[in-house]
Amino acid sequence: MIRLRRDLSSAFFTLVLPVLLLALISLIFGEARVAGVRLPVFMLAAMITYTVGVACYVNVAETIAGDRERGVLKRLAGTPLPGWAYHAGNLTTALLVTLATAVVLVVVGALGYGVRVAPGMIPGLLIAIVMGGVCFAVLGAVVVAFTARQQTVNAIALGTFLPLAFVSDVFVIGGELPGVLRTIGEVFPLRHVSHTLLAVLDPAGRPWPWTDLAVVTVWALAGAVVLAVREGWPRAVVRMRPDVAS
């Protein structure tokens, strides 16, 4: 939370932008239907997915890389604090930011555009947010483990997240995507988080998204395996490389 207060650009893109997009797009195209549901319902699922990705993938990767470059992780390695506690703290912070933004999004959708979020939907929303957050946080750590500089980490995180958002039912395109782009969206986890949230918000029109949750789980486990192979978790992101230690 303190980092967001210090970094206004991250706060804007994580907390403010999804609320603005939900409000503006729903206001302009509120009568349209996307993926078989009213646009405000689709946008609510999409903007929660966007927040999960930015907070747990882009911001977590940037935080770890920045701490590594400033020598914070090197100093922590010499303390009794276990490495998992540091990473659990980053994930917890990202999830709290996501949940706070999701609450605002739900309130805006419900009061402004008639989106119905029944109490029975809340467990499903929490499952989708937590599983998506864990998956993206692990993938963000993978980016850091294979990248030396913070600026490069930031570029890779944003450079992979934003294009995927356009092919993963997060941003409204306004037309049918080419087959190759649809395939790319199906492979990566972002679309599956969005579909899970949409299934929770539209339970009458969709079955419980076991397949989508399975894809998210596979990506999280695959990322954890990569980190384990890359000198062991959590040393893969804690260690200081010679070109970073200066």
Protein backbone atom coordinates (compact mmCIF):
# COMPACT_ATOMS: atom_id res chain seq x y z
CA MET A 1 0.00 0.00 0.00
CA ILE A 2 2.83 2.37 0.87
CA ARG A 3 4.44 1.68 -2.51
CA LEU A 4 1.23 2.68 -4.30
CA ARG A 5 1.04 5.93 -2.35
CA ARG A 6 4.60 6.69 -3.40
CA ASP A 7 4.09 5.62 -7.02
CA LEU A 8 1.09 7.54 -8.33
CA SER A 9 1.34 6.02 -11.80
CA SER A 10 1.04 2.48 -10.42
CA ALA A 11 -1.84 3.58 -8.20
CA PHE A 12 -3.63 5.07 -11.18
CA PHE A 13 -3.24 2.03 -13.45
CA THR A 14 -4.06 -0.42 -10.66
CA LEU A 15 -6.84 1.32 -8.75
CA VAL A 16 -8.29 4.17 -10.80
CA LEU A 17 -8.11 3.08 -14.45
CA PRO A 18 -10.24 -0.10 -14.15
CA VAL A 19 -12.99 1.84 -12.36
CA LEU A 20 -12.91 4.57 -15.03
CA LEU A 21 -13.04 2.02 -17.84
CA LEU A 22 -15.97 0.19 -16.26
CA ALA A 23 -17.89 3.43 -15.74
CA LEU A 24 -17.16 5.06 -19.11
CA ILE A 25 -17.56 2.04 -21.38
CA SER A 26 -20.70 0.90 -19.59
CA LEU A 27 -22.11 4.42 -19.82
CA ILE A 28 -21.43 4.76 -23.55
CA PHE A 29 -22.30 1.22 -24.66
CA GLY A 30 -24.48 0.09 -21.76
CA GLU A 31 -27.18 -1.52 -23.95
CA ALA A 32 -24.71 -3.71 -25.85
CA ARG A 33 -24.18 -7.40 -25.13
CA VAL A 34 -20.79 -9.12 -25.10
CA ALA A 35 -20.24 -12.86 -24.70
CA GLY A 36 -23.98 -13.28 -24.18
CA VAL A 37 -24.27 -10.90 -21.22
CA ARG A 38 -24.94 -7.22 -20.69
CA LEU A 39 -21.82 -5.13 -21.28
CA PRO A 40 -21.60 -3.87 -17.64
CA VAL A 41 -21.50 -7.50 -16.41
CA PHE A 42 -18.78 -8.34 -18.92
CA MET A 43 -16.83 -5.21 -18.00
CA LEU A 44 -17.02 -5.99 -14.29
CA ALA A 45 -15.44 -9.41 -14.85
CA ALA A 46 -12.91 -7.95 -17.28
CA MET A 47 -11.82 -5.09 -15.02
CA ILE A 48 -11.41 -7.37 -11.99
CA THR A 49 -9.25 -9.59 -14.21
CA TYR A 50 -7.26 -6.55 -15.33
CA THR A 51 -6.68 -5.56 -11.71
CA VAL A 52 -5.53 -9.07 -10.78
CA GLY A 53 -3.01 -9.01 -13.64
CA VAL A 54 -1.63 -5.56 -12.93
CA ALA A 55 -1.45 -5.92 -9.15
CA CYS A 56 -0.18 -9.51 -8.98
CA TYR A 57 1.92 -9.77 -12.13
CA VAL A 58 3.16 -6.35 -13.22
CA ASN A 59 3.42 -4.72 -9.79
CA VAL A 60 4.80 -7.79 -7.97
CA ALA A 61 7.48 -8.26 -10.63
CA GLU A 62 8.40 -4.58 -10.41
CA THR A 63 8.53 -4.71 -6.60
CA ILE A 64 10.79 -7.77 -6.44
CA ALA A 65 13.10 -6.43 -9.14
CA GLY A 66 13.32 -3.05 -7.42
CA ASP A 67 14.09 -4.60 -4.04
CA ARG A 68 16.74 -6.79 -5.62
CA GLU A 69 18.38 -3.88 -7.42
CA ARG A 70 18.45 -1.74 -4.25
CA GLY A 71 20.01 -4.58 -2.28
CA VAL A 72 16.96 -5.12 -0.08
CA LEU A 73 16.77 -8.84 -0.86
CA LYS A 74 20.47 -9.28 -0.17
CA ARG A 75 20.05 -7.72 3.26
CA LEU A 76 16.95 -9.79 3.98
CA ALA A 77 18.88 -12.95 3.13
CA GLY A 78 21.11 -12.21 6.12
CA THR A 79 18.21 -11.96 8.55
CA PRO A 80 16.11 -14.68 10.22
CA LEU A 81 13.16 -13.75 7.97
CA PRO A 82 12.45 -16.73 5.70
CA GLY A 83 12.35 -16.00 1.98
CA TRP A 84 8.81 -17.28 1.63
CA ALA A 85 7.58 -14.64 4.10
CA TYR A 86 8.84 -11.83 1.85
CA HIS A 87 7.08 -13.25 -1.19
CA ALA A 88 3.95 -14.06 0.79
CA GLY A 89 3.88 -10.43 1.90
CA ASN A 90 4.09 -9.21 -1.69
CA LEU A 91 1.30 -11.56 -2.73
CA THR A 92 -0.87 -10.58 0.23
CA THR A 93 -0.45 -6.89 -0.54
CA ALA A 94 -1.30 -7.45 -4.19
CA LEU A 95 -4.40 -9.46 -3.29
CA LEU A 96 -5.57 -6.82 -0.81
CA VAL A 97 -5.20 -4.12 -3.47
CA THR A 98 -7.09 -6.33 -5.92
CA LEU A 99 -9.88 -7.04 -3.45
CA ALA A 100 -10.25 -3.37 -2.54
CA THR A 101 -10.48 -2.41 -6.21
CA ALA A 102 -12.91 -5.28 -6.86
CA VAL A 103 -15.20 -3.99 -4.11
CA VAL A 104 -15.22 -0.53 -5.71
CA LEU A 105 -15.89 -2.08 -9.12
CA VAL A 106 -18.79 -4.12 -7.75
CA VAL A 107 -20.30 -1.06 -6.08
CA VAL A 108 -20.00 1.00 -9.27
CA GLY A 109 -21.45 -1.81 -11.37
CA ALA A 110 -24.33 -2.45 -8.97
CA LEU A 111 -25.32 1.15 -8.23
CA GLY A 112 -24.58 2.64 -11.63
CA TYR A 113 -25.46 -0.09 -14.10
CA GLY A 114 -27.69 -2.61 -12.36
CA VAL A 115 -25.16 -5.41 -12.13
CA ARG A 116 -26.44 -7.96 -9.63
CA VAL A 117 -23.83 -9.52 -7.35
CA ALA A 118 -25.62 -11.91 -5.02
CA PRO A 119 -23.98 -13.00 -1.73
CA GLY A 120 -23.70 -16.52 -3.12
CA MET A 121 -21.36 -15.23 -5.83
CA ILE A 122 -18.77 -13.92 -3.38
CA PRO A 123 -16.99 -17.27 -2.71
CA GLY A 124 -16.62 -17.84 -6.46
CA LEU A 125 -15.24 -14.34 -6.96
CA LEU A 126 -12.74 -14.86 -4.13
CA ILE A 127 -11.62 -18.21 -5.57
CA ALA A 128 -11.04 -16.67 -9.01
CA ILE A 129 -9.18 -13.66 -7.61
CA VAL A 130 -6.94 -15.66 -5.25
CA MET A 131 -6.11 -18.39 -7.77
CA GLY A 132 -5.47 -15.82 -10.47
CA GLY A 133 -3.39 -13.70 -8.10
CA VAL A 134 -1.21 -16.63 -7.04
CA CYS A 135 -0.70 -17.65 -10.67
CA PHE A 136 0.29 -14.17 -11.83
CA ALA A 137 2.53 -13.53 -8.82
CA VAL A 138 4.44 -16.74 -9.57
CA LEU A 139 4.78 -15.76 -13.23
CA GLY A 140 5.97 -12.30 -12.20
CA ALA A 141 8.65 -13.92 -10.05
CA VAL A 142 9.67 -16.04 -13.05
CA VAL A 143 10.22 -12.88 -15.10
CA VAL A 144 12.43 -11.46 -12.35
CA ALA A 145 14.40 -14.70 -12.02
CA PHE A 146 15.45 -14.58 -15.66
CA THR A 147 15.99 -10.82 -15.97
CA ALA A 148 18.82 -8.78 -14.51
CA ARG A 149 17.55 -5.19 -14.54
CA GLN A 150 14.43 -3.62 -13.08
CA GLN A 151 13.75 -1.59 -16.22
CA THR A 152 13.88 -4.74 -18.30
CA VAL A 153 11.54 -6.50 -15.89
CA ASN A 154 9.05 -3.63 -16.15
CA ALA A 155 9.22 -3.69 -19.94
CA ILE A 156 8.72 -7.46 -20.13
CA ALA A 157 5.85 -7.47 -17.63
CA LEU A 158 3.94 -4.68 -19.35
CA GLY A 159 4.95 -5.88 -22.80
CA THR A 160 3.44 -9.30 -22.17
CA PHE A 161 0.42 -8.28 -20.09
CA LEU A 162 -1.07 -5.58 -22.30
CA PRO A 163 -1.11 -7.54 -25.59
CA LEU A 164 -2.57 -10.55 -23.79
CA ALA A 165 -5.29 -8.33 -22.32
CA PHE A 166 -6.46 -7.53 -25.85
CA VAL A 167 -6.71 -11.18 -26.88
CA SER A 168 -8.01 -12.52 -23.56
CA ASP A 169 -11.49 -10.95 -23.24
CA VAL A 170 -10.24 -8.20 -20.94
CA PHE A 171 -10.48 -5.22 -23.30
CA VAL A 172 -13.49 -5.00 -25.60
CA ILE A 173 -12.25 -5.29 -29.19
CA GLY A 174 -15.57 -4.81 -30.98
CA GLY A 175 -15.17 -7.70 -33.40
CA GLU A 176 -14.12 -11.31 -33.83
CA LEU A 177 -10.42 -11.95 -33.29
CA PRO A 178 -8.40 -13.89 -35.89
CA GLY A 179 -8.01 -17.58 -35.08
CA VAL A 180 -4.33 -17.35 -34.16
CA LEU A 181 -5.03 -14.58 -31.63
CA ARG A 182 -7.92 -16.54 -30.14
CA THR A 183 -5.59 -19.52 -29.76
CA ILE A 184 -2.98 -17.38 -28.01
CA GLY A 185 -5.63 -16.13 -25.63
CA GLU A 186 -6.78 -19.68 -24.89
CA VAL A 187 -3.24 -20.83 -24.05
CA PHE A 188 -2.41 -18.17 -21.46
CA PRO A 189 -4.16 -17.84 -18.08
CA LEU A 190 -5.52 -14.30 -18.35
CA ARG A 191 -8.57 -15.27 -20.42
CA HIS A 192 -9.33 -18.16 -18.09
CA VAL A 193 -9.40 -15.87 -15.06
CA SER A 194 -11.78 -13.57 -16.94
CA HIS A 195 -14.00 -16.49 -17.99
CA THR A 196 -14.09 -17.79 -14.41
CA LEU A 197 -15.24 -14.42 -13.10
CA LEU A 198 -17.82 -14.12 -15.88
CA ALA A 199 -19.16 -17.59 -15.07
CA VAL A 200 -19.53 -16.56 -11.42
CA LEU A 201 -21.36 -13.35 -12.36
CA ASP A 202 -23.58 -15.13 -14.91
CA PRO A 203 -24.21 -18.52 -13.28
CA ALA A 204 -27.44 -19.17 -15.20
CA GLY A 205 -25.71 -19.01 -18.56
CA ARG A 206 -22.48 -20.86 -17.80
CA PRO A 207 -21.35 -24.00 -15.95
CA TRP A 208 -18.82 -23.81 -13.15
CA PRO A 209 -15.51 -23.15 -14.96
CA TRP A 210 -13.49 -26.18 -13.89
CA THR A 211 -11.46 -26.15 -17.10
CA ASP A 212 -10.54 -22.48 -16.72
CA LEU A 213 -9.45 -22.99 -13.12
CA ALA A 214 -7.43 -26.04 -14.19
CA VAL A 215 -5.54 -23.96 -16.78
CA VAL A 216 -4.76 -21.28 -14.17
CA THR A 217 -3.55 -23.98 -11.76
CA VAL A 218 -1.33 -25.57 -14.39
CA TRP A 219 0.31 -22.23 -15.16
CA ALA A 220 0.91 -21.57 -11.45
CA LEU A 221 2.46 -25.01 -10.93
CA ALA A 222 4.55 -24.69 -14.09
CA GLY A 223 5.88 -21.34 -12.91
CA ALA A 224 6.71 -22.80 -9.51
CA VAL A 225 8.60 -25.67 -11.16
CA VAL A 226 10.57 -23.22 -13.31
CA LEU A 227 11.53 -21.26 -10.20
CA ALA A 228 12.53 -24.45 -8.41
CA VAL A 229 14.79 -25.43 -11.31
CA ARG A 230 16.21 -21.92 -11.55
CA GLU A 231 18.52 -22.36 -8.51
CA GLY A 232 15.63 -23.16 -6.20
CA TRP A 233 12.75 -21.11 -4.87
CA PRO A 234 13.05 -18.50 -3.43
CA ARG A 235 16.77 -18.07 -4.19
CA ALA A 236 15.97 -17.58 -7.87
CA VAL A 237 14.68 -14.09 -7.14
CA VAL A 238 16.63 -13.33 -3.98
CA ARG A 239 20.14 -13.80 -5.29
CA MET A 240 22.10 -10.80 -6.46
CA ARG A 241 23.72 -11.17 -9.84
CA PRO A 242 27.17 -9.66 -10.39
CA ASP A 243 25.77 -7.04 -12.79
CA VAL A 244 23.08 -6.05 -10.29
CA ALA A 245 25.08 -5.95 -7.09
CA SER A 246 26.93 -2.79 -8.00
